[in-house]
N, C-alpha and C. Protein backbone atom coordinates (compact mmCIF):
# COMPACT_ATOMS: atom_id res chain seq x y z
N MET A 1 1.82 32.42 -40.22
CA MET A 1 0.84 33.45 -40.34
C MET A 1 2.13 34.49 -40.79
N ASN A 2 2.22 35.65 -41.36
CA ASN A 2 2.89 36.97 -41.33
C ASN A 2 2.83 37.82 -40.28
N LYS A 3 3.41 38.12 -39.45
CA LYS A 3 2.93 39.16 -38.35
C LYS A 3 2.65 40.28 -38.61
N GLU A 4 2.95 41.06 -39.55
CA GLU A 4 2.25 42.31 -39.76
C GLU A 4 0.89 41.94 -40.11
N ILE A 5 0.59 40.96 -40.41
CA ILE A 5 -1.26 40.44 -40.93
C ILE A 5 -1.68 40.36 -39.96
N SER A 6 -0.79 39.59 -39.49
CA SER A 6 -1.45 38.60 -37.73
C SER A 6 -1.56 40.37 -36.62
N LYS A 7 -1.03 41.59 -37.10
CA LYS A 7 -0.97 42.41 -35.91
C LYS A 7 -2.43 43.04 -36.70
N GLN A 8 -2.42 42.79 -37.65
CA GLN A 8 -3.69 44.21 -38.50
C GLN A 8 -4.52 43.19 -38.25
N LEU A 9 -4.99 41.81 -38.41
CA LEU A 9 -5.84 41.24 -37.83
C LEU A 9 -7.00 41.97 -36.39
N GLU A 10 -5.49 41.64 -35.19
CA GLU A 10 -5.91 42.00 -34.37
C GLU A 10 -6.78 43.01 -34.10
N LEU A 11 -6.66 44.45 -34.59
CA LEU A 11 -6.49 45.44 -34.69
C LEU A 11 -7.74 45.88 -35.40
N GLU A 12 -7.88 44.67 -36.22
CA GLU A 12 -9.11 45.36 -36.79
C GLU A 12 -10.30 44.29 -35.65
N LYS A 13 -10.06 43.57 -35.20
CA LYS A 13 -11.08 42.97 -33.97
C LYS A 13 -11.15 42.98 -32.75
N ILE A 14 -10.52 43.75 -32.62
CA ILE A 14 -10.49 44.84 -31.86
C ILE A 14 -11.31 45.78 -31.88
N ASN A 15 -10.47 46.54 -32.70
CA ASN A 15 -11.81 47.99 -33.28
C ASN A 15 -12.99 47.38 -33.28
N LYS A 16 -13.81 46.54 -34.63
CA LYS A 16 -15.06 46.07 -34.37
C LYS A 16 -15.74 45.92 -32.99
N ASN A 17 -15.29 45.33 -32.13
CA ASN A 17 -15.29 45.32 -30.44
C ASN A 17 -15.32 46.73 -30.01
N ILE A 18 -14.46 47.79 -30.52
CA ILE A 18 -14.96 49.22 -29.76
C ILE A 18 -15.80 49.85 -30.55
N GLN A 19 -16.25 49.57 -31.75
CA GLN A 19 -16.81 49.98 -32.61
C GLN A 19 -18.59 50.13 -31.85
N GLU A 20 -18.64 48.66 -31.84
CA GLU A 20 -19.94 47.60 -30.92
C GLU A 20 -20.17 48.22 -30.05
N LEU A 21 -19.23 48.09 -28.97
CA LEU A 21 -19.47 48.85 -27.09
C LEU A 21 -19.22 50.40 -27.41
N ARG A 22 -19.31 51.38 -28.36
CA ARG A 22 -19.59 52.89 -29.07
C ARG A 22 -21.20 52.56 -28.82
N ASP A 23 -21.34 51.63 -29.59
CA ASP A 23 -23.18 52.00 -30.52
C ASP A 23 -24.16 51.70 -29.49
N ILE A 24 -23.82 50.52 -27.95
CA ILE A 24 -24.33 49.90 -26.98
C ILE A 24 -24.30 51.53 -26.15
N LEU A 25 -23.03 52.26 -25.75
CA LEU A 25 -23.27 53.14 -24.91
C LEU A 25 -23.76 54.32 -25.10
N ASN A 26 -23.13 54.40 -26.36
CA ASN A 26 -24.34 55.64 -27.04
C ASN A 26 -26.33 55.37 -27.14
N GLU A 27 -26.37 54.22 -27.25
CA GLU A 27 -27.94 53.56 -27.16
C GLU A 27 -28.41 53.72 -25.53
N ILE A 28 -27.41 53.10 -24.84
CA ILE A 28 -28.36 53.20 -23.51
C ILE A 28 -28.21 54.67 -22.75
N CYS A 29 -26.88 55.57 -23.49
CA CYS A 29 -26.80 57.06 -22.94
C CYS A 29 -27.90 57.48 -23.37
N CYS A 30 -28.49 57.05 -24.66
CA CYS A 30 -30.16 58.62 -24.95
C CYS A 30 -31.30 57.59 -24.85
N THR A 31 -31.25 56.30 -24.45
CA THR A 31 -32.65 56.06 -24.42
C THR A 31 -32.84 55.91 -22.70
N VAL A 32 -31.86 55.76 -21.65
CA VAL A 32 -32.28 55.59 -20.31
C VAL A 32 -32.45 56.91 -19.37
N VAL A 33 -33.43 56.74 -19.13
CA VAL A 33 -33.28 58.05 -17.45
C VAL A 33 -32.58 57.73 -16.49
N GLU A 34 -32.44 59.19 -16.57
CA GLU A 34 -30.47 59.43 -15.56
C GLU A 34 -31.02 58.40 -14.12
N ASP A 35 -29.65 57.51 -13.55
CA ASP A 35 -29.30 56.81 -12.78
C ASP A 35 -30.17 55.72 -12.49
N GLU A 36 -31.25 55.32 -13.90
CA GLU A 36 -32.00 53.86 -14.46
C GLU A 36 -30.64 52.65 -14.65
N LYS A 37 -29.64 53.34 -15.09
CA LYS A 37 -28.97 51.95 -15.89
C LYS A 37 -27.45 52.87 -15.22
N ASP A 38 -27.36 53.61 -14.31
CA ASP A 38 -25.82 53.60 -14.02
C ASP A 38 -25.05 53.14 -14.54
N LYS A 39 -25.19 51.34 -13.40
CA LYS A 39 -24.56 50.42 -13.94
C LYS A 39 -24.42 49.97 -15.11
N GLU A 40 -25.41 49.63 -15.13
CA GLU A 40 -24.62 48.94 -17.03
C GLU A 40 -23.93 49.95 -17.79
N ARG A 41 -24.39 51.41 -17.35
CA ARG A 41 -23.37 52.57 -18.21
C ARG A 41 -21.88 52.69 -18.04
N LEU A 42 -22.03 52.13 -16.62
CA LEU A 42 -20.47 52.48 -16.54
C LEU A 42 -19.34 51.05 -16.99
N GLY A 43 -20.12 49.70 -17.13
CA GLY A 43 -20.18 48.33 -16.90
C GLY A 43 -19.54 48.61 -18.50
N VAL A 44 -20.38 49.22 -19.29
CA VAL A 44 -19.52 49.35 -20.63
C VAL A 44 -18.71 50.42 -21.42
N SER A 45 -19.19 51.33 -20.14
CA SER A 45 -17.78 52.65 -20.53
C SER A 45 -16.49 52.09 -20.10
N GLU A 46 -16.21 51.24 -19.89
CA GLU A 46 -15.26 50.72 -18.80
C GLU A 46 -14.02 49.54 -19.62
N ALA A 47 -15.56 48.87 -20.40
CA ALA A 47 -14.76 47.65 -20.94
C ALA A 47 -14.46 48.99 -22.39
N LEU A 48 -15.09 49.24 -22.84
CA LEU A 48 -14.73 50.76 -23.99
C LEU A 48 -13.02 50.98 -23.60
N ASP A 49 -12.78 51.57 -22.52
CA ASP A 49 -11.69 51.94 -22.19
C ASP A 49 -10.70 50.45 -22.21
N LYS A 50 -11.06 49.97 -21.82
CA LYS A 50 -9.73 48.69 -21.95
C LYS A 50 -10.07 48.13 -23.34
N LEU A 51 -10.70 48.54 -23.95
CA LEU A 51 -10.24 47.99 -25.34
C LEU A 51 -9.56 48.93 -26.00
N ILE A 52 -9.60 50.07 -25.60
CA ILE A 52 -8.82 50.90 -26.47
C ILE A 52 -7.72 51.40 -26.14
N VAL A 53 -7.34 50.57 -24.97
CA VAL A 53 -6.37 50.73 -24.40
C VAL A 53 -5.49 49.72 -24.96
N GLN A 54 -5.91 48.80 -24.76
CA GLN A 54 -5.78 47.40 -25.91
C GLN A 54 -5.39 47.70 -27.53
N TYR A 55 -6.06 48.47 -28.21
CA TYR A 55 -6.20 48.59 -29.19
C TYR A 55 -4.46 49.03 -29.34
N MET A 56 -4.35 50.28 -28.44
CA MET A 56 -3.30 51.09 -28.86
C MET A 56 -2.01 50.26 -28.13
N LYS A 57 -1.91 49.59 -27.18
CA LYS A 57 -0.76 48.15 -27.15
C LYS A 57 -0.88 47.83 -28.34
N GLU A 58 -1.68 47.02 -28.69
CA GLU A 58 -0.91 46.39 -30.38
C GLU A 58 -1.10 47.02 -31.27
N LEU A 59 -1.78 48.50 -31.68
CA LEU A 59 -1.23 49.57 -32.41
C LEU A 59 0.60 49.59 -32.34
N ASN A 60 1.16 49.73 -30.55
CA ASN A 60 2.25 50.64 -31.01
C ASN A 60 3.13 49.70 -30.63
N LYS A 61 2.85 47.82 -30.85
CA LYS A 61 4.17 46.68 -30.87
C LYS A 61 4.70 46.19 -32.00
């Protein structure tokens, strides 16, 4: 497979995961009472941060 196509597919996969996590995080933030699900919210936020970093690294390859 062409390196450029492979890179594009990887970026699309990461971007899809980023969008899914953003949706989950938005839902958590809108539907829970403060302190009720802080650990869950933090976990999703951290996973989102990691995916964004991975996306940026892949983009700069």
